[in-house]
Amino acid sequence: MSHYNNMRLVTVALLLALEVILGTFFTVNFAGIAKIGFGFLPIAMIAIMYGPLWAGTAYAIGDVLAWFIKPEGAYFPGFTLTCFLVGVVMGLFLYKKEVTFPRCAVCFIPIVFCLDFILNTFWLHILMNQGFIALLPSRIVKCLITYALEVLLVPLVWNGLMLRIPAVRELMDRN
């Protein structure tokens, strides 16, 4: 059991580091209103392998670490809360389930259109002191692009890459 716990911690730490790198340095930022990146991929892998709490906690920690590495304005805990909720929702939909395009299409609807579109837009409204409605047009375009990327990439990366790694296959057989 100790080996399994150590393996879980190392795996989560590696995927968390990858999330920080992808979420910090491989993103496109549109005037501070919309940011599109690939940090969701490692968190989705954590959600699939270890469930909602691990994914939510890892994403929240990753958000804080990313801010320390590359601060963009003042730290705002609302975005960290959103990250935690995104990881939890991913885990609820994907943990111990087959990762398919239809499942991901359903999983990412509340993530993208509720948490990202509504909640993150609200956080931006508070931070930027701009009208909530004024932020929506650019945010909807961002959310549509993000939704398509997430629905497409999560099943492709999990089924095409992660399941080919022997340690991941062993872990999934154990669950």
C-alpha atoms as a PDB file:
ATOM      1  CA  MET A   1       0.000   0.000   0.000  1.00  0.00           C
ATOM      2  CA  SER A   2       2.881   2.360   0.748  1.00  0.00           C
ATOM      3  CA  HIS A   3       4.268   1.870  -2.767  1.00  0.00           C
ATOM      4  CA  TYR A   4       0.852   2.774  -4.210  1.00  0.00           C
ATOM      5  CA  ASN A   5       0.650   5.974  -2.108  1.00  0.00           C
ATOM      6  CA  ASN A   6       4.164   6.994  -3.089  1.00  0.00           C
ATOM      7  CA  MET A   7       3.377   6.321  -6.734  1.00  0.00           C
ATOM      8  CA  ARG A   8       0.204   8.414  -6.471  1.00  0.00           C
ATOM      9  CA  LEU A   9       2.046  11.360  -4.896  1.00  0.00           C
ATOM     10  CA  VAL A  10       4.817  11.251  -7.494  1.00  0.00           C
ATOM     11  CA  THR A  11       2.321  10.972 -10.359  1.00  0.00           C
ATOM     12  CA  VAL A  12       0.202  13.858  -9.077  1.00  0.00           C
ATOM     13  CA  ALA A  13       3.318  15.971  -8.474  1.00  0.00           C
ATOM     14  CA  LEU A  14       4.605  15.335 -12.014  1.00  0.00           C
ATOM     15  CA  LEU A  15       1.231  16.105 -13.571  1.00  0.00           C
ATOM     16  CA  LEU A  16       0.905  19.189 -11.361  1.00  0.00           C
ATOM     17  CA  ALA A  17       4.301  20.416 -12.567  1.00  0.00           C
ATOM     18  CA  LEU A  18       3.188  19.808 -16.141  1.00  0.00           C
ATOM     19  CA  GLU A  19      -0.032  21.751 -15.460  1.00  0.00           C
ATOM     20  CA  VAL A  20       1.934  24.712 -14.126  1.00  0.00           C
ATOM     21  CA  ILE A  21       4.218  24.689 -17.185  1.00  0.00           C
ATOM     22  CA  LEU A  22       1.383  24.313 -19.692  1.00  0.00           C
ATOM     23  CA  GLY A  23      -0.887  26.748 -17.858  1.00  0.00           C
ATOM     24  CA  THR A  24       1.809  29.381 -17.397  1.00  0.00           C
ATOM     25  CA  PHE A  25       3.954  29.284 -20.499  1.00  0.00           C
ATOM     26  CA  PHE A  26       1.777  27.660 -23.161  1.00  0.00           C
ATOM     27  CA  THR A  27      -1.228  29.961 -23.096  1.00  0.00           C
ATOM     28  CA  VAL A  28      -2.569  32.685 -25.313  1.00  0.00           C
ATOM     29  CA  ASN A  29      -3.774  35.762 -23.432  1.00  0.00           C
ATOM     30  CA  PHE A  30      -6.299  38.066 -25.103  1.00  0.00           C
ATOM     31  CA  ALA A  31      -6.075  41.520 -23.451  1.00  0.00           C
ATOM     32  CA  GLY A  32      -6.398  40.053 -19.963  1.00  0.00           C
ATOM     33  CA  ILE A  33     -10.006  39.055 -20.619  1.00  0.00           C
ATOM     34  CA  ALA A  34      -9.555  35.608 -22.110  1.00  0.00           C
ATOM     35  CA  LYS A  35      -6.755  33.086 -21.723  1.00  0.00           C
ATOM     36  CA  ILE A  36      -6.619  29.815 -23.634  1.00  0.00           C
ATOM     37  CA  GLY A  37      -4.140  27.182 -22.556  1.00  0.00           C
ATOM     38  CA  PHE A  38      -3.515  23.486 -22.091  1.00  0.00           C
ATOM     39  CA  GLY A  39      -3.173  23.259 -18.297  1.00  0.00           C
ATOM     40  CA  PHE A  40      -6.469  21.380 -18.172  1.00  0.00           C
ATOM     41  CA  LEU A  41      -4.885  18.255 -19.710  1.00  0.00           C
ATOM     42  CA  PRO A  42      -2.755  17.131 -16.731  1.00  0.00           C
ATOM     43  CA  ILE A  43      -5.618  17.921 -14.359  1.00  0.00           C
ATOM     44  CA  ALA A  44      -7.963  15.775 -16.452  1.00  0.00           C
ATOM     45  CA  MET A  45      -5.419  12.938 -16.199  1.00  0.00           C
ATOM     46  CA  ILE A  46      -5.357  13.332 -12.395  1.00  0.00           C
ATOM     47  CA  ALA A  47      -9.173  13.369 -12.340  1.00  0.00           C
ATOM     48  CA  ILE A  48      -9.347  10.175 -14.398  1.00  0.00           C
ATOM     49  CA  MET A  49      -6.764   8.348 -12.282  1.00  0.00           C
ATOM     50  CA  TYR A  50      -7.438   9.644  -8.751  1.00  0.00           C
ATOM     51  CA  GLY A  51     -10.823  11.359  -8.646  1.00  0.00           C
ATOM     52  CA  PRO A  52     -12.422  14.688  -7.764  1.00  0.00           C
ATOM     53  CA  LEU A  53     -10.576  15.706  -4.592  1.00  0.00           C
ATOM     54  CA  TRP A  54      -7.118  15.004  -5.967  1.00  0.00           C
ATOM     55  CA  ALA A  55      -7.879  16.832  -9.213  1.00  0.00           C
ATOM     56  CA  GLY A  56      -9.489  19.806  -7.486  1.00  0.00           C
ATOM     57  CA  THR A  57      -6.712  20.162  -4.945  1.00  0.00           C
ATOM     58  CA  ALA A  58      -3.996  19.797  -7.586  1.00  0.00           C
ATOM     59  CA  TYR A  59      -5.613  22.421  -9.843  1.00  0.00           C
ATOM     60  CA  ALA A  60      -5.980  24.878  -6.944  1.00  0.00           C
ATOM     61  CA  ILE A  61      -2.340  24.367  -5.915  1.00  0.00           C
ATOM     62  CA  GLY A  62      -1.297  24.717  -9.558  1.00  0.00           C
ATOM     63  CA  ASP A  63      -3.148  28.031  -9.838  1.00  0.00           C
ATOM     64  CA  VAL A  64      -1.320  29.437  -6.811  1.00  0.00           C
ATOM     65  CA  LEU A  65       2.063  28.110  -7.986  1.00  0.00           C
ATOM     66  CA  ALA A  66       1.519  29.543 -11.464  1.00  0.00           C
ATOM     67  CA  TRP A  67       0.783  32.951  -9.965  1.00  0.00           C
ATOM     68  CA  PHE A  68       4.000  32.833  -7.921  1.00  0.00           C
ATOM     69  CA  ILE A  69       6.018  31.830 -10.981  1.00  0.00           C
ATOM     70  CA  LYS A  70       4.478  34.372 -13.336  1.00  0.00           C
ATOM     71  CA  PRO A  71       2.251  36.864 -11.507  1.00  0.00           C
ATOM     72  CA  GLU A  72      -0.178  38.710 -13.738  1.00  0.00           C
ATOM     73  CA  GLY A  73      -1.664  41.390 -11.520  1.00  0.00           C
ATOM     74  CA  ALA A  74      -2.735  40.827  -7.944  1.00  0.00           C
ATOM     75  CA  TYR A  75      -3.511  37.341  -6.718  1.00  0.00           C
ATOM     76  CA  PHE A  76      -7.267  36.725  -6.675  1.00  0.00           C
ATOM     77  CA  PRO A  77      -8.573  33.657  -4.793  1.00  0.00           C
ATOM     78  CA  GLY A  78     -11.744  33.471  -6.896  1.00  0.00           C
ATOM     79  CA  PHE A  79      -9.806  31.952  -9.783  1.00  0.00           C
ATOM     80  CA  THR A  80      -8.278  29.394  -7.399  1.00  0.00           C
ATOM     81  CA  LEU A  81     -11.781  28.451  -6.262  1.00  0.00           C
ATOM     82  CA  THR A  82     -12.819  28.021  -9.894  1.00  0.00           C
ATOM     83  CA  CYS A  83      -9.785  25.796 -10.519  1.00  0.00           C
ATOM     84  CA  PHE A  84     -10.704  23.626  -7.541  1.00  0.00           C
ATOM     85  CA  LEU A  85     -14.294  23.296  -8.776  1.00  0.00           C
ATOM     86  CA  VAL A  86     -13.126  22.451 -12.318  1.00  0.00           C
ATOM     87  CA  GLY A  87     -10.960  19.612 -10.985  1.00  0.00           C
ATOM     88  CA  VAL A  88     -13.828  18.315  -8.851  1.00  0.00           C
ATOM     89  CA  VAL A  89     -16.267  18.339 -11.773  1.00  0.00           C
ATOM     90  CA  MET A  90     -13.739  16.562 -14.005  1.00  0.00           C
ATOM     91  CA  GLY A  91     -13.277  13.923 -11.341  1.00  0.00           C
ATOM     92  CA  LEU A  92     -17.015  13.439 -10.869  1.00  0.00           C
ATOM     93  CA  PHE A  93     -17.512  12.829 -14.581  1.00  0.00           C
ATOM     94  CA  LEU A  94     -14.311  10.953 -15.477  1.00  0.00           C
ATOM     95  CA  TYR A  95     -13.051   9.007 -12.439  1.00  0.00           C
ATOM     96  CA  LYS A  96     -13.374   5.225 -12.868  1.00  0.00           C
ATOM     97  CA  LYS A  97     -15.236   5.682 -16.142  1.00  0.00           C
ATOM     98  CA  GLU A  98     -14.398   5.111 -19.770  1.00  0.00           C
ATOM     99  CA  VAL A  99     -13.037   8.320 -21.287  1.00  0.00           C
ATOM    100  CA  THR A 100     -15.032   8.872 -24.473  1.00  0.00           C
ATOM    101  CA  PHE A 101     -15.849  11.878 -26.629  1.00  0.00           C
ATOM    102  CA  PRO A 102     -19.546  11.887 -25.589  1.00  0.00           C
ATOM    103  CA  ARG A 103     -18.648  11.663 -21.872  1.00  0.00           C
ATOM    104  CA  CYS A 104     -16.172  14.531 -22.262  1.00  0.00           C
ATOM    105  CA  ALA A 105     -18.739  16.550 -24.220  1.00  0.00           C
ATOM    106  CA  VAL A 106     -21.095  16.285 -21.242  1.00  0.00           C
ATOM    107  CA  CYS A 107     -18.315  16.769 -18.651  1.00  0.00           C
ATOM    108  CA  PHE A 108     -17.061  20.013 -20.110  1.00  0.00           C
ATOM    109  CA  ILE A 109     -20.463  21.707 -20.494  1.00  0.00           C
ATOM    110  CA  PRO A 110     -20.704  22.735 -16.804  1.00  0.00           C
ATOM    111  CA  ILE A 111     -16.970  23.397 -16.640  1.00  0.00           C
ATOM    112  CA  VAL A 112     -16.770  25.701 -19.635  1.00  0.00           C
ATOM    113  CA  PHE A 113     -20.201  27.300 -19.703  1.00  0.00           C
ATOM    114  CA  CYS A 114     -20.877  27.621 -15.965  1.00  0.00           C
ATOM    115  CA  LEU A 115     -17.545  27.771 -14.164  1.00  0.00           C
ATOM    116  CA  ASP A 116     -15.456  29.449 -16.848  1.00  0.00           C
ATOM    117  CA  PHE A 117     -18.025  31.545 -18.696  1.00  0.00           C
ATOM    118  CA  ILE A 118     -20.123  32.699 -15.743  1.00  0.00           C
ATOM    119  CA  LEU A 119     -17.947  32.398 -12.626  1.00  0.00           C
ATOM    120  CA  ASN A 120     -14.629  33.513 -14.152  1.00  0.00           C
ATOM    121  CA  THR A 121     -16.384  36.347 -15.986  1.00  0.00           C
ATOM    122  CA  PHE A 122     -17.789  37.430 -12.629  1.00  0.00           C
ATOM    123  CA  TRP A 123     -14.273  37.368 -11.138  1.00  0.00           C
ATOM    124  CA  LEU A 124     -13.012  39.474 -14.062  1.00  0.00           C
ATOM    125  CA  HIS A 125     -15.940  41.864 -13.561  1.00  0.00           C
ATOM    126  CA  ILE A 126     -14.857  42.344  -9.938  1.00  0.00           C
ATOM    127  CA  LEU A 127     -11.152  42.677 -10.761  1.00  0.00           C
ATOM    128  CA  MET A 128     -11.414  44.914 -13.806  1.00  0.00           C
ATOM    129  CA  ASN A 129     -14.397  46.947 -12.627  1.00  0.00           C
ATOM    130  CA  GLN A 130     -16.035  46.498 -16.034  1.00  0.00           C
ATOM    131  CA  GLY A 131     -19.634  45.638 -16.728  1.00  0.00           C
ATOM    132  CA  PHE A 132     -20.392  41.934 -16.592  1.00  0.00           C
ATOM    133  CA  ILE A 133     -22.365  42.106 -19.855  1.00  0.00           C
ATOM    134  CA  ALA A 134     -19.534  44.006 -21.580  1.00  0.00           C
ATOM    135  CA  LEU A 135     -17.152  41.116 -20.910  1.00  0.00           C
ATOM    136  CA  LEU A 136     -19.444  38.423 -22.308  1.00  0.00           C
ATOM    137  CA  PRO A 137     -18.822  38.679 -26.095  1.00  0.00           C
ATOM    138  CA  SER A 138     -15.085  37.968 -25.892  1.00  0.00           C
ATOM    139  CA  ARG A 139     -15.653  35.369 -23.179  1.00  0.00           C
ATOM    140  CA  ILE A 140     -18.164  33.365 -25.239  1.00  0.00           C
ATOM    141  CA  VAL A 141     -15.721  33.071 -28.126  1.00  0.00           C
ATOM    142  CA  LYS A 142     -13.022  31.937 -25.703  1.00  0.00           C
ATOM    143  CA  CYS A 143     -15.374  29.387 -24.130  1.00  0.00           C
ATOM    144  CA  LEU A 144     -16.413  27.913 -27.471  1.00  0.00           C
ATOM    145  CA  ILE A 145     -12.768  27.433 -28.465  1.00  0.00           C
ATOM    146  CA  THR A 146     -11.908  26.006 -25.041  1.00  0.00           C
ATOM    147  CA  TYR A 147     -14.856  23.609 -25.102  1.00  0.00           C
ATOM    148  CA  ALA A 148     -13.845  22.211 -28.493  1.00  0.00           C
ATOM    149  CA  LEU A 149     -10.204  21.796 -27.389  1.00  0.00           C
ATOM    150  CA  GLU A 150     -11.107  20.062 -24.131  1.00  0.00           C
ATOM    151  CA  VAL A 151     -13.659  17.679 -25.642  1.00  0.00           C
ATOM    152  CA  LEU A 152     -11.221  16.735 -28.397  1.00  0.00           C
ATOM    153  CA  LEU A 153      -7.933  16.545 -26.495  1.00  0.00           C
ATOM    154  CA  VAL A 154      -8.826  14.813 -23.221  1.00  0.00           C
ATOM    155  CA  PRO A 155     -10.002  11.527 -24.811  1.00  0.00           C
ATOM    156  CA  LEU A 156      -7.200  11.655 -27.383  1.00  0.00           C
ATOM    157  CA  VAL A 157      -4.470  12.165 -24.783  1.00  0.00           C
ATOM    158  CA  TRP A 158      -5.914   9.626 -22.326  1.00  0.00           C
ATOM    159  CA  ASN A 159      -6.700   6.855 -24.796  1.00  0.00           C
ATOM    160  CA  GLY A 160      -3.892   7.553 -27.251  1.00  0.00           C
ATOM    161  CA  LEU A 161      -1.029   8.348 -24.893  1.00  0.00           C
ATOM    162  CA  MET A 162      -1.634   7.765 -21.194  1.00  0.00           C
ATOM    163  CA  LEU A 163      -3.017   4.235 -21.503  1.00  0.00           C
ATOM    164  CA  ARG A 164       0.126   3.246 -23.412  1.00  0.00           C
ATOM    165  CA  ILE A 165       2.282   3.954 -20.344  1.00  0.00           C
ATOM    166  CA  PRO A 166       2.723   0.656 -18.422  1.00  0.00           C
ATOM    167  CA  ALA A 167       2.579   2.277 -14.958  1.00  0.00           C
ATOM    168  CA  VAL A 168      -0.695   4.017 -15.831  1.00  0.00           C
ATOM    169  CA  ARG A 169      -2.198   0.774 -17.164  1.00  0.00           C
ATOM    170  CA  GLU A 170      -1.128  -1.007 -13.967  1.00  0.00           C
ATOM    171  CA  LEU A 171      -2.703   1.727 -11.872  1.00  0.00           C
ATOM    172  CA  MET A 172      -5.963   1.572 -13.799  1.00  0.00           C
ATOM    173  CA  ASP A 173      -6.058  -2.242 -13.512  1.00  0.00           C
ATOM    174  CA  ARG A 174      -5.597  -1.863  -9.744  1.00  0.00           C
ATOM    175  CA  ASN A 175      -8.584   0.505  -9.494  1.00  0.00           C
END
